[in-house]
């Protein structure tokens, strides 16, 4: 009888040990995905712009010729789809607050689009910026680097713009300066990790963006606002502070 009990106990320990080993392997292979960074960057090899329709377009180059002289990229962190989409009823503090953008979507449909994007985790700033600028998928391994961001070495749109001679100006979340330390003509970085602070980053941008828009020495201006994200962390979307912050963002878009 004692021998049978010992065998059952041994089998139980073997099962528990195997269960932990299997769980650990699944975790490390599935949750902690490894990112293989490609060191090579895109380079100018084929003149797509000159002969893409069989006709010459003047100046030679690798890419399609630009349609605009300047671009302004505004990133409003954590701007949810339902913050932007029109609503038939005012049942939430954030409903129909973004009137300027809603009017653009309604009356200038040929120049505007509203898409719903579901971000795959992790959704910390570092990983999402890597995804936006490199086109790669974020991984949880990078999450720890969110507090000590290092320069992006893989091919990315910011580096391509810089190498093609474009002048870039940045305002906002200081994570950008860690990822792209030498690519900006001017930068106005502000500390981003105090989620209780709704205004420092946004006010810093607003203090400088309008004067920057009047200058003529840049090609691309990037502004990354954090107030909506911090408000969501601190109060949630249904707080009056969210309505105030969204109103501020809507006014900013109108003035820009």
Protein backbone atom coordinates (compact mmCIF):
# COMPACT_ATOMS: atom_id res chain seq x y z
CA UNK A 1 0.00 0.00 0.00
CA UNK A 2 2.83 2.34 0.85
CA UNK A 3 4.54 1.56 -2.44
CA UNK A 4 1.44 2.47 -4.47
CA UNK A 5 1.14 5.77 -2.58
CA UNK A 6 4.79 6.55 -3.30
CA UNK A 7 4.29 5.86 -7.00
CA UNK A 8 1.23 8.12 -7.11
CA UNK A 9 3.13 10.87 -5.29
CA UNK A 10 6.05 10.50 -7.70
CA UNK A 11 3.71 10.68 -10.68
CA UNK A 12 2.10 13.80 -9.19
CA UNK A 13 5.49 15.49 -8.85
CA UNK A 14 6.42 14.50 -12.41
CA UNK A 15 3.13 15.93 -13.68
CA UNK A 16 3.59 19.20 -11.77
CA UNK A 17 7.21 19.50 -12.94
CA UNK A 18 6.23 18.82 -16.56
CA UNK A 19 3.37 21.32 -16.27
CA UNK A 20 5.72 24.08 -15.08
CA UNK A 21 8.30 23.30 -17.76
CA UNK A 22 5.64 23.33 -20.48
CA UNK A 23 4.16 26.60 -19.16
CA UNK A 24 7.59 28.21 -19.03
CA UNK A 25 8.36 27.21 -22.62
CA UNK A 26 5.01 28.50 -23.87
CA UNK A 27 5.58 31.78 -22.01
CA UNK A 28 9.11 32.35 -23.30
CA UNK A 29 8.36 31.27 -26.87
CA UNK A 30 4.97 32.93 -27.18
CA UNK A 31 4.82 35.89 -24.77
CA UNK A 32 8.48 36.93 -24.91
CA UNK A 33 8.85 36.98 -28.67
CA UNK A 34 12.28 37.70 -30.09
CA UNK A 35 12.67 40.50 -32.60
CA UNK A 36 15.26 40.00 -35.32
CA UNK A 37 16.40 43.46 -36.37
CA UNK A 38 17.55 43.83 -39.97
CA UNK A 39 20.61 46.06 -40.03
CA UNK A 40 20.30 47.00 -43.71
CA UNK A 41 18.47 50.18 -44.72
CA UNK A 42 16.62 50.97 -47.92
CA UNK A 43 18.81 52.74 -50.46
CA UNK A 44 18.39 54.45 -53.81
CA UNK A 45 18.67 51.79 -56.52
CA UNK A 46 15.69 52.01 -58.85
CA UNK A 47 14.11 55.16 -60.26
CA UNK A 48 10.45 54.36 -59.56
CA UNK A 49 9.34 57.96 -59.93
CA UNK A 50 10.76 58.57 -63.40
CA UNK A 51 9.33 55.68 -65.35
CA UNK A 52 6.47 54.23 -63.33
CA UNK A 53 3.94 55.01 -66.10
CA UNK A 54 6.39 54.93 -68.99
CA UNK A 55 6.90 58.68 -69.09
CA UNK A 56 9.57 60.93 -67.69
CA UNK A 57 8.63 63.19 -64.76
CA UNK A 58 11.65 65.41 -64.76
CA UNK A 59 13.97 65.03 -61.78
CA UNK A 60 15.33 61.56 -61.12
CA UNK A 61 14.87 59.87 -57.77
CA UNK A 62 14.08 56.64 -55.95
CA UNK A 63 10.58 57.46 -54.79
CA UNK A 64 7.46 59.10 -56.10
CA UNK A 65 7.77 62.87 -56.15
CA UNK A 66 6.25 64.66 -53.19
CA UNK A 67 2.87 66.34 -53.58
CA UNK A 68 3.37 68.86 -50.77
CA UNK A 69 6.26 71.01 -49.63
CA UNK A 70 5.60 70.48 -45.91
CA UNK A 71 3.95 67.93 -43.65
CA UNK A 72 2.62 68.34 -40.11
CA UNK A 73 2.20 65.10 -38.17
CA UNK A 74 0.14 65.36 -34.99
CA UNK A 75 0.08 62.40 -32.61
CA UNK A 76 -2.55 62.59 -29.86
CA UNK A 77 -1.71 59.71 -27.56
CA UNK A 78 -4.65 57.42 -26.64
CA UNK A 79 -7.14 59.25 -28.88
CA UNK A 80 -9.82 56.57 -29.02
CA UNK A 81 -12.01 55.98 -32.05
CA UNK A 82 -15.18 56.93 -30.14
CA UNK A 83 -13.54 60.23 -29.15
CA UNK A 84 -13.44 61.15 -32.84
CA UNK A 85 -16.48 59.43 -34.35
CA UNK A 86 -19.74 61.42 -34.44
CA UNK A 87 -22.42 60.29 -32.00
CA UNK A 88 -26.17 60.79 -32.32
CA UNK A 89 -26.56 61.34 -28.56
CA UNK A 90 -24.50 63.19 -25.99
CA UNK A 91 -24.40 60.29 -23.54
CA UNK A 92 -20.73 60.55 -22.56
CA UNK A 93 -18.56 63.51 -21.55
CA UNK A 94 -16.38 62.87 -24.61
CA UNK A 95 -19.23 62.51 -27.13
CA UNK A 96 -19.00 64.98 -30.06
CA UNK A 97 -16.34 67.09 -28.36
CA UNK A 98 -14.01 66.96 -31.38
CA UNK A 99 -16.23 69.22 -33.48
CA UNK A 100 -13.51 70.57 -35.75
CA UNK A 101 -12.34 67.13 -36.82
CA UNK A 102 -15.92 65.92 -37.20
CA UNK A 103 -16.70 68.88 -39.46
CA UNK A 104 -13.63 68.12 -41.58
CA UNK A 105 -14.75 64.50 -41.90
CA UNK A 106 -18.25 65.61 -42.84
CA UNK A 107 -17.64 68.54 -45.17
CA UNK A 108 -14.18 67.68 -46.57
CA UNK A 109 -14.58 63.95 -47.01
CA UNK A 110 -12.28 63.98 -50.03
CA UNK A 111 -9.42 65.24 -47.82
CA UNK A 112 -10.00 63.27 -44.63
CA UNK A 113 -10.29 59.72 -43.38
CA UNK A 114 -11.17 58.16 -40.03
CA UNK A 115 -9.89 54.63 -39.45
CA UNK A 116 -10.28 52.38 -36.43
CA UNK A 117 -7.05 50.75 -35.35
CA UNK A 118 -6.77 48.11 -32.62
CA UNK A 119 -3.23 48.13 -31.23
CA UNK A 120 -1.70 44.80 -30.34
CA UNK A 121 0.00 44.71 -26.92
CA UNK A 122 2.25 46.02 -25.55
CA UNK A 123 0.85 49.52 -25.99
CA UNK A 124 3.55 51.47 -24.15
CA UNK A 125 4.90 54.51 -25.97
CA UNK A 126 8.24 53.05 -27.00
CA UNK A 127 6.74 49.99 -28.68
CA UNK A 128 4.04 51.94 -30.53
CA UNK A 129 6.56 54.51 -31.81
CA UNK A 130 8.78 51.69 -33.07
CA UNK A 131 5.77 50.19 -34.81
CA UNK A 132 4.75 53.52 -36.35
CA UNK A 133 8.19 54.47 -37.62
CA UNK A 134 9.65 51.08 -38.63
CA UNK A 135 6.56 49.09 -39.59
CA UNK A 136 7.64 46.27 -37.27
CA UNK A 137 5.59 44.45 -34.64
CA UNK A 138 6.28 45.35 -30.99
CA UNK A 139 7.22 42.72 -28.42
CA UNK A 140 7.03 42.49 -24.65
CA UNK A 141 10.80 42.12 -24.49
CA UNK A 142 11.05 45.81 -25.39
CA UNK A 143 8.73 46.85 -22.54
CA UNK A 144 11.58 47.22 -20.07
CA UNK A 145 13.38 49.51 -22.50
CA UNK A 146 10.45 51.92 -22.28
CA UNK A 147 12.16 53.49 -19.27
CA UNK A 148 15.60 53.68 -20.91
CA UNK A 149 14.93 54.08 -24.62
CA UNK A 150 17.83 53.57 -27.01
CA UNK A 151 18.26 54.85 -30.55
CA UNK A 152 16.45 52.85 -33.24
CA UNK A 153 19.03 51.15 -35.44
CA UNK A 154 16.69 49.45 -37.92
CA UNK A 155 15.33 51.17 -41.01
CA UNK A 156 12.67 53.76 -40.21
CA UNK A 157 10.82 56.63 -41.84
CA UNK A 158 12.46 59.33 -39.69
CA UNK A 159 15.94 58.22 -40.70
CA UNK A 160 14.90 58.01 -44.36
CA UNK A 161 13.58 61.57 -44.27
CA UNK A 162 16.76 62.77 -42.57
CA UNK A 163 19.01 61.02 -45.10
CA UNK A 164 17.07 62.48 -48.00
CA UNK A 165 17.88 65.97 -46.76
CA UNK A 166 14.55 66.85 -45.13
CA UNK A 167 14.61 69.12 -42.10
CA UNK A 168 12.56 67.80 -39.17
CA UNK A 169 11.24 69.58 -36.09
CA UNK A 170 9.84 67.73 -33.07
CA UNK A 171 7.72 68.79 -30.09
CA UNK A 172 6.35 66.68 -27.24
CA UNK A 173 7.02 63.29 -25.62
CA UNK A 174 10.75 63.02 -24.91
CA UNK A 175 10.76 59.34 -25.94
CA UNK A 176 11.22 60.53 -29.53
CA UNK A 177 14.54 62.18 -28.63
CA UNK A 178 15.83 58.91 -27.17
CA UNK A 179 14.82 56.99 -30.27
CA UNK A 180 16.00 59.65 -32.75
CA UNK A 181 18.72 61.69 -30.98
CA UNK A 182 20.34 63.34 -34.00
CA UNK A 183 17.69 63.58 -36.69
CA UNK A 184 15.86 66.75 -35.67
CA UNK A 185 16.76 70.27 -36.74
CA UNK A 186 15.08 71.52 -33.56
CA UNK A 187 13.31 69.68 -30.79
CA UNK A 188 11.21 70.59 -27.78
CA UNK A 189 11.12 67.41 -25.65
CA UNK A 190 9.18 67.31 -22.39
CA UNK A 191 9.16 64.64 -19.61
CA UNK A 192 6.47 62.03 -20.16
CA UNK A 193 6.38 59.51 -17.29
CA UNK A 194 4.33 61.42 -14.70
CA UNK A 195 0.83 60.18 -15.59
CA UNK A 196 -0.70 62.55 -13.03
CA UNK A 197 0.58 65.52 -15.03
CA UNK A 198 -1.98 66.33 -17.73
CA UNK A 199 -0.55 69.60 -18.98
CA UNK A 200 3.27 69.91 -19.00
CA UNK A 201 3.84 68.18 -22.34
CA UNK A 202 0.76 69.64 -24.06
CA UNK A 203 1.39 73.18 -22.82
CA UNK A 204 5.02 72.94 -23.89
CA UNK A 205 3.94 72.02 -27.40
CA UNK A 206 1.28 74.73 -27.57
CA UNK A 207 3.81 77.33 -26.44
CA UNK A 208 6.03 76.57 -29.43
CA UNK A 209 4.07 74.95 -32.25
CA UNK A 210 2.41 78.08 -33.64
CA UNK A 211 5.68 79.99 -33.89
CA UNK A 212 7.28 76.94 -35.53
CA UNK A 213 4.49 76.82 -38.10
CA UNK A 214 5.46 80.36 -39.15
CA UNK A 215 9.07 79.38 -39.83
CA UNK A 216 10.14 78.26 -43.27
CA UNK A 217 13.27 76.19 -42.53
CA UNK A 218 11.64 72.78 -41.94
CA UNK A 219 9.95 70.13 -44.09
CA UNK A 220 8.28 67.91 -41.49
CA UNK A 221 6.94 68.94 -38.09
CA UNK A 222 5.96 66.27 -35.54
CA UNK A 223 3.97 67.04 -32.38
CA UNK A 224 3.20 64.28 -29.86
CA UNK A 225 0.56 65.24 -27.25
CA UNK A 226 0.18 63.20 -24.04
CA UNK A 227 -2.60 64.90 -22.06
CA UNK A 228 -5.43 62.66 -23.29
CA UNK A 229 -3.43 59.54 -22.42
CA UNK A 230 -2.55 60.78 -18.93
CA UNK A 231 -6.12 61.89 -18.32
CA UNK A 232 -7.32 58.40 -19.24
CA UNK A 233 -4.83 56.83 -16.84
CA UNK A 234 -5.72 59.15 -13.98
CA UNK A 235 -9.47 59.75 -14.34
CA UNK A 236 -10.77 57.49 -17.10
CA UNK A 237 -12.66 58.53 -20.26
CA UNK A 238 -15.90 59.56 -18.54
CA UNK A 239 -14.44 62.33 -16.38
CA UNK A 240 -15.04 66.06 -17.07
CA UNK A 241 -11.26 66.49 -17.34
CA UNK A 242 -11.34 64.35 -20.47
CA UNK A 243 -13.87 66.68 -22.08
CA UNK A 244 -11.63 69.65 -21.28
CA UNK A 245 -8.56 67.94 -22.71
CA UNK A 246 -10.36 66.86 -25.89
CA UNK A 247 -11.67 70.41 -26.34
CA UNK A 248 -8.10 71.67 -26.05
CA UNK A 249 -6.94 69.17 -28.67
CA UNK A 250 -9.79 70.07 -31.01
CA UNK A 251 -8.93 73.77 -30.76
CA UNK A 252 -5.28 72.96 -31.43
CA UNK A 253 -6.18 71.07 -34.60
CA UNK A 254 -8.37 74.00 -35.72
CA UNK A 255 -5.56 76.52 -35.24
CA UNK A 256 -2.95 74.30 -36.89
